[in-house]
């Protein structure tokens, strides 16, 4: 691996790195549903891009509802199982 012939000065390093800063994204508003939206992308809320329906969001909405219901039932069952398991271990220990 090669070694630099001389040390890079602070000004030289900082001048090179001056272009590394992140720029803020241009966030707009969907014209149909008023949801926040990154420019030049289809709206994830309503599926419209430039006035045309391009995404089927009804499928995504039903999937999100099913996932939410599963998460609620899993968390409920999980806490119930923990309590049930702890009672069994106490009974076995005695």
PDB file of N, CA and C in Angstrom:
ATOM      1  N   UNK A   1       0.840  -1.177   0.000  1.00  0.00           N
ATOM      2  CA  UNK A   1       0.000   0.000   0.000  1.00  0.00           C
ATOM      3  C   UNK A   1       0.888   1.244   0.000  1.00  0.00           C
ATOM      4  N   UNK A   2       0.526   2.204  -0.781  1.00  0.00           N
ATOM      5  CA  UNK A   2       1.363   3.392  -0.885  1.00  0.00           C
ATOM      6  C   UNK A   2       1.149   4.338   0.288  1.00  0.00           C
ATOM      7  N   UNK A   3       2.174   5.121   0.562  1.00  0.00           N
ATOM      8  CA  UNK A   3       2.147   6.071   1.664  1.00  0.00           C
ATOM      9  C   UNK A   3       2.217   7.472   1.080  1.00  0.00           C
ATOM     10  N   UNK A   4       1.420   8.425   1.611  1.00  0.00           N
ATOM     11  CA  UNK A   4       1.476   9.790   1.076  1.00  0.00           C
ATOM     12  C   UNK A   4       2.873  10.399   1.260  1.00  0.00           C
ATOM     13  N   UNK A   5       3.309  11.156   0.292  1.00  0.00           N
ATOM     14  CA  UNK A   5       4.630  11.776   0.365  1.00  0.00           C
ATOM     15  C   UNK A   5       4.666  12.869   1.421  1.00  0.00           C
ATOM     16  N   UNK A   6       3.577  13.588   1.596  1.00  0.00           N
ATOM     17  CA  UNK A   6       3.538  14.642   2.609  1.00  0.00           C
ATOM     18  C   UNK A   6       2.132  14.740   3.200  1.00  0.00           C
ATOM     19  N   UNK A   7       2.052  15.392   4.347  1.00  0.00           N
ATOM     20  CA  UNK A   7       0.784  15.521   5.064  1.00  0.00           C
ATOM     21  C   UNK A   7      -0.156  16.468   4.327  1.00  0.00           C
ATOM     22  N   UNK A   8      -1.433  16.076   4.280  1.00  0.00           N
ATOM     23  CA  UNK A   8      -2.446  16.958   3.707  1.00  0.00           C
ATOM     24  C   UNK A   8      -2.788  18.028   4.732  1.00  0.00           C
ATOM     25  N   UNK A   9      -2.812  19.259   4.322  1.00  0.00           N
ATOM     26  CA  UNK A   9      -3.119  20.348   5.248  1.00  0.00           C
ATOM     27  C   UNK A   9      -4.601  20.333   5.617  1.00  0.00           C
ATOM     28  N   UNK A  10      -4.941  20.984   6.717  1.00  0.00           N
ATOM     29  CA  UNK A  10      -6.345  21.054   7.146  1.00  0.00           C
ATOM     30  C   UNK A  10      -7.214  21.700   6.079  1.00  0.00           C
ATOM     31  N   UNK A  11      -6.722  22.758   5.487  1.00  0.00           N
ATOM     32  CA  UNK A  11      -7.528  23.460   4.485  1.00  0.00           C
ATOM     33  C   UNK A  11      -7.774  22.589   3.265  1.00  0.00           C
ATOM     34  N   UNK A  12      -6.776  21.815   2.884  1.00  0.00           N
ATOM     35  CA  UNK A  12      -6.937  20.944   1.724  1.00  0.00           C
ATOM     36  C   UNK A  12      -7.953  19.844   2.015  1.00  0.00           C
ATOM     37  N   UNK A  13      -7.870  19.257   3.206  1.00  0.00           N
ATOM     38  CA  UNK A  13      -8.804  18.202   3.585  1.00  0.00           C
ATOM     39  C   UNK A  13     -10.223  18.760   3.685  1.00  0.00           C
ATOM     40  N   UNK A  14     -10.343  19.898   4.333  1.00  0.00           N
ATOM     41  CA  UNK A  14     -11.675  20.485   4.514  1.00  0.00           C
ATOM     42  C   UNK A  14     -12.273  20.967   3.203  1.00  0.00           C
ATOM     43  N   UNK A  15     -11.449  21.435   2.300  1.00  0.00           N
ATOM     44  CA  UNK A  15     -11.937  21.850   0.986  1.00  0.00           C
ATOM     45  C   UNK A  15     -12.482  20.646   0.226  1.00  0.00           C
ATOM     46  N   UNK A  16     -11.774  19.519   0.315  1.00  0.00           N
ATOM     47  CA  UNK A  16     -12.233  18.303  -0.348  1.00  0.00           C
ATOM     48  C   UNK A  16     -13.548  17.810   0.270  1.00  0.00           C
ATOM     49  N   UNK A  17     -13.648  17.870   1.588  1.00  0.00           N
ATOM     50  CA  UNK A  17     -14.834  17.362   2.285  1.00  0.00           C
ATOM     51  C   UNK A  17     -16.015  18.324   2.265  1.00  0.00           C
ATOM     52  N   UNK A  18     -15.842  19.486   1.725  1.00  0.00           N
ATOM     53  CA  UNK A  18     -16.925  20.480   1.734  1.00  0.00           C
ATOM     54  C   UNK A  18     -18.137  20.006   0.940  1.00  0.00           C
ATOM     55  N   UNK A  19     -17.950  19.045   0.048  1.00  0.00           N
ATOM     56  CA  UNK A  19     -19.053  18.543  -0.769  1.00  0.00           C
ATOM     57  C   UNK A  19     -19.721  17.318  -0.158  1.00  0.00           C
ATOM     58  N   UNK A  20     -19.261  16.877   1.005  1.00  0.00           N
ATOM     59  CA  UNK A  20     -19.802  15.671   1.616  1.00  0.00           C
ATOM     60  C   UNK A  20     -21.060  15.916   2.436  1.00  0.00           C
ATOM     61  N   UNK A  21     -21.446  17.153   2.628  1.00  0.00           N
ATOM     62  CA  UNK A  21     -22.614  17.466   3.456  1.00  0.00           C
ATOM     63  C   UNK A  21     -23.887  16.936   2.807  1.00  0.00           C
ATOM     64  N   UNK A  22     -24.827  16.482   3.646  1.00  0.00           N
ATOM     65  CA  UNK A  22     -26.110  15.997   3.149  1.00  0.00           C
ATOM     66  C   UNK A  22     -27.033  17.175   2.876  1.00  0.00           C
ATOM     67  N   UNK A  23     -27.785  17.056   1.824  1.00  0.00           N
ATOM     68  CA  UNK A  23     -28.741  18.106   1.474  1.00  0.00           C
ATOM     69  C   UNK A  23     -30.129  17.673   1.901  1.00  0.00           C
ATOM     70  N   UNK A  24     -30.948  18.613   2.311  1.00  0.00           N
ATOM     71  CA  UNK A  24     -32.309  18.311   2.738  1.00  0.00           C
ATOM     72  C   UNK A  24     -33.127  17.855   1.537  1.00  0.00           C
ATOM     73  N   UNK A  25     -33.990  16.837   1.772  1.00  0.00           N
ATOM     74  CA  UNK A  25     -34.845  16.360   0.690  1.00  0.00           C
ATOM     75  C   UNK A  25     -35.983  17.330   0.468  1.00  0.00           C
ATOM     76  N   UNK A  26     -36.401  17.427  -0.779  1.00  0.00           N
ATOM     77  CA  UNK A  26     -37.508  18.294  -1.130  1.00  0.00           C
ATOM     78  C   UNK A  26     -38.803  17.530  -0.900  1.00  0.00           C
ATOM     79  N   UNK A  27     -39.479  17.821   0.197  1.00  0.00           N
ATOM     80  CA  UNK A  27     -40.711  17.113   0.537  1.00  0.00           C
ATOM     81  C   UNK A  27     -41.891  18.005   0.196  1.00  0.00           C
ATOM     82  N   UNK A  28     -42.789  17.461  -0.598  1.00  0.00           N
ATOM     83  CA  UNK A  28     -43.975  18.185  -1.000  1.00  0.00           C
ATOM     84  C   UNK A  28     -45.216  17.590  -0.367  1.00  0.00           C
ATOM     85  N   UNK A  29     -46.359  17.887  -0.954  1.00  0.00           N
ATOM     86  CA  UNK A  29     -47.647  17.414  -0.448  1.00  0.00           C
ATOM     87  C   UNK A  29     -48.400  16.774  -1.604  1.00  0.00           C
ATOM     88  N   UNK A  30     -49.020  15.628  -1.355  1.00  0.00           N
ATOM     89  CA  UNK A  30     -49.830  14.957  -2.378  1.00  0.00           C
ATOM     90  C   UNK A  30     -51.024  15.838  -2.721  1.00  0.00           C
ATOM     91  N   UNK A  31     -51.321  15.945  -4.000  1.00  0.00           N
ATOM     92  CA  UNK A  31     -52.412  16.820  -4.433  1.00  0.00           C
ATOM     93  C   UNK A  31     -53.785  16.230  -4.115  1.00  0.00           C
ATOM     94  N   UNK A  32     -53.873  14.906  -3.986  1.00  0.00           N
ATOM     95  CA  UNK A  32     -55.179  14.302  -3.752  1.00  0.00           C
ATOM     96  C   UNK A  32     -55.487  14.098  -2.266  1.00  0.00           C
ATOM     97  N   UNK A  33     -54.485  13.628  -1.493  1.00  0.00           N
ATOM     98  CA  UNK A  33     -54.776  13.312  -0.087  1.00  0.00           C
ATOM     99  C   UNK A  33     -54.024  14.197   0.907  1.00  0.00           C
ATOM    100  N   UNK A  34     -53.199  15.120   0.433  1.00  0.00           N
ATOM    101  CA  UNK A  34     -52.451  16.064   1.265  1.00  0.00           C
ATOM    102  C   UNK A  34     -51.450  15.393   2.207  1.00  0.00           C
ATOM    103  N   UNK A  35     -50.990  14.197   1.885  1.00  0.00           N
ATOM    104  CA  UNK A  35     -49.988  13.495   2.692  1.00  0.00           C
ATOM    105  C   UNK A  35     -48.590  13.990   2.303  1.00  0.00           C
ATOM    106  N   UNK A  36     -47.640  14.008   3.244  1.00  0.00           N
ATOM    107  CA  UNK A  36     -46.269  14.404   2.887  1.00  0.00           C
ATOM    108  C   UNK A  36     -45.683  13.409   1.888  1.00  0.00           C
ATOM    109  N   UNK A  37     -44.885  13.924   0.959  1.00  0.00           N
ATOM    110  CA  UNK A  37     -44.473  13.111  -0.180  1.00  0.00           C
ATOM    111  C   UNK A  37     -43.129  13.598  -0.709  1.00  0.00           C
ATOM    112  N   UNK A  38     -42.206  12.678  -0.964  1.00  0.00           N
ATOM    113  CA  UNK A  38     -40.945  13.016  -1.616  1.00  0.00           C
ATOM    114  C   UNK A  38     -41.251  13.269  -3.087  1.00  0.00           C
ATOM    115  N   UNK A  39     -40.642  14.307  -3.646  1.00  0.00           N
ATOM    116  CA  UNK A  39     -40.978  14.675  -5.021  1.00  0.00           C
ATOM    117  C   UNK A  39     -40.593  13.580  -6.014  1.00  0.00           C
ATOM    118  N   UNK A  40     -41.319  13.498  -7.093  1.00  0.00           N
ATOM    119  CA  UNK A  40     -41.121  12.541  -8.189  1.00  0.00           C
ATOM    120  C   UNK A  40     -41.323  11.093  -7.756  1.00  0.00           C
ATOM    121  N   UNK A  41     -42.181  10.844  -6.785  1.00  0.00           N
ATOM    122  CA  UNK A  41     -42.528   9.486  -6.372  1.00  0.00           C
ATOM    123  C   UNK A  41     -44.037   9.380  -6.239  1.00  0.00           C
ATOM    124  N   UNK A  42     -44.540   8.163  -6.340  1.00  0.00           N
ATOM    125  CA  UNK A  42     -45.972   7.936  -6.168  1.00  0.00           C
ATOM    126  C   UNK A  42     -46.315   8.017  -4.682  1.00  0.00           C
ATOM    127  N   UNK A  43     -47.496   8.486  -4.375  1.00  0.00           N
ATOM    128  CA  UNK A  43     -47.953   8.613  -2.993  1.00  0.00           C
ATOM    129  C   UNK A  43     -48.234   7.221  -2.427  1.00  0.00           C
ATOM    130  N   UNK A  44     -47.637   6.900  -1.281  1.00  0.00           N
ATOM    131  CA  UNK A  44     -47.866   5.595  -0.673  1.00  0.00           C
ATOM    132  C   UNK A  44     -49.211   5.551   0.039  1.00  0.00           C
ATOM    133  N   UNK A  45     -49.794   6.699   0.301  1.00  0.00           N
ATOM    134  CA  UNK A  45     -51.068   6.752   1.005  1.00  0.00           C
ATOM    135  C   UNK A  45     -52.249   6.503   0.065  1.00  0.00           C
ATOM    136  N   UNK A  46     -52.249   7.155  -1.106  1.00  0.00           N
ATOM    137  CA  UNK A  46     -53.383   7.008  -2.028  1.00  0.00           C
ATOM    138  C   UNK A  46     -52.995   6.355  -3.357  1.00  0.00           C
ATOM    139  N   UNK A  47     -51.693   6.264  -3.689  1.00  0.00           N
ATOM    140  CA  UNK A  47     -51.255   5.585  -4.906  1.00  0.00           C
ATOM    141  C   UNK A  47     -51.338   6.410  -6.165  1.00  0.00           C
ATOM    142  N   UNK A  48     -51.387   7.723  -6.061  1.00  0.00           N
ATOM    143  CA  UNK A  48     -51.534   8.591  -7.232  1.00  0.00           C
ATOM    144  C   UNK A  48     -50.192   9.232  -7.558  1.00  0.00           C
ATOM    145  N   UNK A  49     -49.858   9.307  -8.863  1.00  0.00           N
ATOM    146  CA  UNK A  49     -48.675  10.016  -9.329  1.00  0.00           C
ATOM    147  C   UNK A  49     -49.060  10.841 -10.540  1.00  0.00           C
ATOM    148  N   UNK A  50     -48.864  12.138 -10.467  1.00  0.00           N
ATOM    149  CA  UNK A  50     -49.212  13.086 -11.532  1.00  0.00           C
ATOM    150  C   UNK A  50     -50.668  12.935 -11.964  1.00  0.00           C
ATOM    151  N   UNK A  51     -51.559  12.790 -11.008  1.00  0.00           N
ATOM    152  CA  UNK A  51     -52.981  12.730 -11.300  1.00  0.00           C
ATOM    153  C   UNK A  51     -53.492  11.388 -11.779  1.00  0.00           C
ATOM    154  N   UNK A  52     -52.637  10.376 -11.849  1.00  0.00           N
ATOM    155  CA  UNK A  52     -53.057   9.047 -12.299  1.00  0.00           C
ATOM    156  C   UNK A  52     -52.851   8.028 -11.189  1.00  0.00           C
ATOM    157  N   UNK A  53     -53.760   7.070 -11.111  1.00  0.00           N
ATOM    158  CA  UNK A  53     -53.660   5.991 -10.130  1.00  0.00           C
ATOM    159  C   UNK A  53     -52.633   4.979 -10.632  1.00  0.00           C
ATOM    160  N   UNK A  54     -51.517   4.844  -9.912  1.00  0.00           N
ATOM    161  CA  UNK A  54     -50.454   3.946 -10.363  1.00  0.00           C
ATOM    162  C   UNK A  54     -50.192   2.813  -9.385  1.00  0.00           C
ATOM    163  N   UNK A  55     -50.615   2.929  -8.133  1.00  0.00           N
ATOM    164  CA  UNK A  55     -50.421   1.882  -7.136  1.00  0.00           C
ATOM    165  C   UNK A  55     -51.766   1.401  -6.610  1.00  0.00           C
ATOM    166  N   UNK A  56     -51.856   0.097  -6.369  1.00  0.00           N
ATOM    167  CA  UNK A  56     -53.059  -0.465  -5.783  1.00  0.00           C
ATOM    168  C   UNK A  56     -52.894  -0.441  -4.266  1.00  0.00           C
ATOM    169  N   UNK A  57     -53.430   0.596  -3.631  1.00  0.00           N
ATOM    170  CA  UNK A  57     -53.246   0.744  -2.184  1.00  0.00           C
ATOM    171  C   UNK A  57     -54.298  -0.010  -1.389  1.00  0.00           C
ATOM    172  N   UNK A  58     -55.363  -0.468  -2.029  1.00  0.00           N
ATOM    173  CA  UNK A  58     -56.381  -1.222  -1.290  1.00  0.00           C
ATOM    174  C   UNK A  58     -55.798  -2.530  -0.775  1.00  0.00           C
ATOM    175  N   UNK A  59     -54.939  -3.145  -1.559  1.00  0.00           N
ATOM    176  CA  UNK A  59     -54.284  -4.388  -1.144  1.00  0.00           C
ATOM    177  C   UNK A  59     -53.368  -4.113   0.045  1.00  0.00           C
ATOM    178  N   UNK A  60     -52.615  -3.025  -0.027  1.00  0.00           N
ATOM    179  CA  UNK A  60     -51.715  -2.676   1.063  1.00  0.00           C
ATOM    180  C   UNK A  60     -52.483  -2.351   2.340  1.00  0.00           C
ATOM    181  N   UNK A  61     -53.625  -1.714   2.197  1.00  0.00           N
ATOM    182  CA  UNK A  61     -54.414  -1.366   3.376  1.00  0.00           C
ATOM    183  C   UNK A  61     -54.951  -2.615   4.066  1.00  0.00           C
ATOM    184  N   UNK A  62     -55.426  -3.584   3.286  1.00  0.00           N
ATOM    185  CA  UNK A  62     -55.933  -4.816   3.897  1.00  0.00           C
ATOM    186  C   UNK A  62     -54.802  -5.608   4.539  1.00  0.00           C
ATOM    187  N   UNK A  63     -53.631  -5.621   3.920  1.00  0.00           N
ATOM    188  CA  UNK A  63     -52.474  -6.316   4.505  1.00  0.00           C
ATOM    189  C   UNK A  63     -52.048  -5.644   5.810  1.00  0.00           C
ATOM    190  N   UNK A  64     -52.075  -4.327   5.829  1.00  0.00           N
ATOM    191  CA  UNK A  64     -51.687  -3.607   7.045  1.00  0.00           C
ATOM    192  C   UNK A  64     -52.671  -3.891   8.179  1.00  0.00           C
ATOM    193  N   UNK A  65     -53.944  -3.973   7.852  1.00  0.00           N
ATOM    194  CA  UNK A  65     -54.954  -4.280   8.873  1.00  0.00           C
ATOM    195  C   UNK A  65     -54.737  -5.685   9.426  1.00  0.00           C
ATOM    196  N   UNK A  66     -54.469  -6.663   8.549  1.00  0.00           N
ATOM    197  CA  UNK A  66     -54.235  -8.033   9.005  1.00  0.00           C
ATOM    198  C   UNK A  66     -52.993  -8.118   9.882  1.00  0.00           C
ATOM    199  N   UNK A  67     -51.927  -7.429   9.478  1.00  0.00           N
ATOM    200  CA  UNK A  67     -50.696  -7.443  10.269  1.00  0.00           C
ATOM    201  C   UNK A  67     -50.912  -6.822  11.635  1.00  0.00           C
ATOM    202  N   UNK A  68     -51.677  -5.751  11.683  1.00  0.00           N
ATOM    203  CA  UNK A  68     -51.943  -5.093  12.964  1.00  0.00           C
ATOM    204  C   UNK A  68     -52.728  -6.026  13.876  1.00  0.00           C
ATOM    205  N   UNK A  69     -53.706  -6.719  13.325  1.00  0.00           N
ATOM    206  CA  UNK A  69     -54.491  -7.649  14.126  1.00  0.00           C
ATOM    207  C   UNK A  69     -53.629  -8.805  14.612  1.00  0.00           C
ATOM    208  N   UNK A  70     -52.726  -9.307  13.771  1.00  0.00           N
ATOM    209  CA  UNK A  70     -51.845 -10.401  14.177  1.00  0.00           C
ATOM    210  C   UNK A  70     -50.893  -9.949  15.276  1.00  0.00           C
ATOM    211  N   UNK A  71     -50.371  -8.739  15.152  1.00  0.00           N
ATOM    212  CA  UNK A  71     -49.450  -8.229  16.168  1.00  0.00           C
ATOM    213  C   UNK A  71     -50.134  -8.079  17.513  1.00  0.00           C
ATOM    214  N   UNK A  72     -51.367  -7.629  17.508  1.00  0.00           N
ATOM    215  CA  UNK A  72     -52.105  -7.469  18.756  1.00  0.00           C
ATOM    216  C   UNK A  72     -52.370  -8.833  19.380  1.00  0.00           C
ATOM    217  N   UNK A  73     -52.775  -9.800  18.572  1.00  0.00           N
ATOM    218  CA  UNK A  73     -53.068 -11.129  19.108  1.00  0.00           C
ATOM    219  C   UNK A  73     -51.792 -11.826  19.570  1.00  0.00           C
ATOM    220  N   UNK A  74     -50.663 -11.637  18.865  1.00  0.00           N
ATOM    221  CA  UNK A  74     -49.406 -12.259  19.274  1.00  0.00           C
ATOM    222  C   UNK A  74     -48.907 -11.698  20.595  1.00  0.00           C
ATOM    223  N   UNK A  75     -49.004 -10.396  20.763  1.00  0.00           N
ATOM    224  CA  UNK A  75     -48.533  -9.811  22.016  1.00  0.00           C
ATOM    225  C   UNK A  75     -49.412 -10.258  23.165  1.00  0.00           C
ATOM    226  N   UNK A  76     -50.690 -10.387  22.918  1.00  0.00           N
ATOM    227  CA  UNK A  76     -51.602 -10.838  23.972  1.00  0.00           C
ATOM    228  C   UNK A  76     -51.303 -12.292  24.338  1.00  0.00           C
ATOM    229  N   UNK A  77     -51.174 -13.154  23.352  1.00  0.00           N
ATOM    230  CA  UNK A  77     -50.895 -14.563  23.607  1.00  0.00           C
ATOM    231  C   UNK A  77     -49.521 -14.741  24.254  1.00  0.00           C
ATOM    232  N   UNK A  78     -48.571 -13.937  23.858  1.00  0.00           N
ATOM    233  CA  UNK A  78     -47.218 -14.077  24.385  1.00  0.00           C
ATOM    234  C   UNK A  78     -47.192 -13.777  25.889  1.00  0.00           C
ATOM    235  N   UNK A  79     -47.859 -12.722  26.295  1.00  0.00           N
ATOM    236  CA  UNK A  79     -47.860 -12.387  27.718  1.00  0.00           C
ATOM    237  C   UNK A  79     -48.624 -13.442  28.508  1.00  0.00           C
ATOM    238  N   UNK A  80     -49.671 -13.991  27.923  1.00  0.00           N
ATOM    239  CA  UNK A  80     -50.456 -15.016  28.604  1.00  0.00           C
ATOM    240  C   UNK A  80     -49.622 -16.282  28.779  1.00  0.00           C
ATOM    241  N   UNK A  81     -48.847 -16.646  27.753  1.00  0.00           N
ATOM    242  CA  UNK A  81     -48.011 -17.846  27.831  1.00  0.00           C
ATOM    243  C   UNK A  81     -46.937 -17.692  28.896  1.00  0.00           C
ATOM    244  N   UNK A  82     -46.354 -16.501  29.023  1.00  0.00           N
ATOM    245  CA  UNK A  82     -45.318 -16.284  30.023  1.00  0.00           C
ATOM    246  C   UNK A  82     -45.871 -16.492  31.424  1.00  0.00           C
ATOM    247  N   UNK A  83     -47.053 -15.965  31.671  1.00  0.00           N
ATOM    248  CA  UNK A  83     -47.661 -16.131  32.984  1.00  0.00           C
ATOM    249  C   UNK A  83     -47.963 -17.602  33.231  1.00  0.00           C
ATOM    250  N   UNK A  84     -48.457 -18.277  32.193  1.00  0.00           N
ATOM    251  CA  UNK A  84     -48.815 -19.685  32.308  1.00  0.00           C
ATOM    252  C   UNK A  84     -47.559 -20.517  32.570  1.00  0.00           C
ATOM    253  N   UNK A  85     -46.478 -20.231  31.867  1.00  0.00           N
ATOM    254  CA  UNK A  85     -45.222 -20.959  32.045  1.00  0.00           C
ATOM    255  C   UNK A  85     -44.656 -20.753  33.443  1.00  0.00           C
ATOM    256  N   UNK A  86     -44.748 -19.540  33.958  1.00  0.00           N
ATOM    257  CA  UNK A  86     -44.197 -19.276  35.287  1.00  0.00           C
ATOM    258  C   UNK A  86     -44.978 -20.031  36.359  1.00  0.00           C
ATOM    259  N   UNK A  87     -46.290 -20.192  36.182  1.00  0.00           N
ATOM    260  CA  UNK A  87     -47.096 -20.952  37.148  1.00  0.00           C
ATOM    261  C   UNK A  87     -46.702 -22.423  37.120  1.00  0.00           C
ATOM    262  N   UNK A  88     -46.438 -22.959  35.905  1.00  0.00           N
ATOM    263  CA  UNK A  88     -46.053 -24.357  35.786  1.00  0.00           C
ATOM    264  C   UNK A  88     -44.709 -24.602  36.459  1.00  0.00           C
ATOM    265  N   UNK A  89     -43.771 -23.707  36.292  1.00  0.00           N
ATOM    266  CA  UNK A  89     -42.454 -23.886  36.905  1.00  0.00           C
ATOM    267  C   UNK A  89     -42.537 -23.805  38.422  1.00  0.00           C
ATOM    268  N   UNK A  90     -43.434 -22.948  38.924  1.00  0.00           N
ATOM    269  CA  UNK A  90     -43.612 -22.861  40.395  1.00  0.00           C
ATOM    270  C   UNK A  90     -44.217 -24.151  40.928  1.00  0.00           C
ATOM    271  N   UNK A  91     -45.176 -24.750  40.199  1.00  0.00           N
ATOM    272  CA  UNK A  91     -45.812 -25.978  40.641  1.00  0.00           C
ATOM    273  C   UNK A  91     -44.817 -27.138  40.613  1.00  0.00           C
ATOM    274  N   UNK A  92     -43.960 -27.189  39.588  1.00  0.00           N
ATOM    275  CA  UNK A  92     -42.972 -28.262  39.484  1.00  0.00           C
ATOM    276  C   UNK A  92     -41.923 -28.141  40.594  1.00  0.00           C
ATOM    277  N   UNK A  93     -41.572 -26.916  40.947  1.00  0.00           N
ATOM    278  CA  UNK A  93     -40.552 -26.693  41.960  1.00  0.00           C
ATOM    279  C   UNK A  93     -41.044 -27.121  43.342  1.00  0.00           C
ATOM    280  N   UNK A  94     -42.353 -27.018  43.616  1.00  0.00           N
ATOM    281  CA  UNK A  94     -42.850 -27.355  44.945  1.00  0.00           C
ATOM    282  C   UNK A  94     -43.135 -28.811  45.118  1.00  0.00           C
TER     283      UNK A  94
END
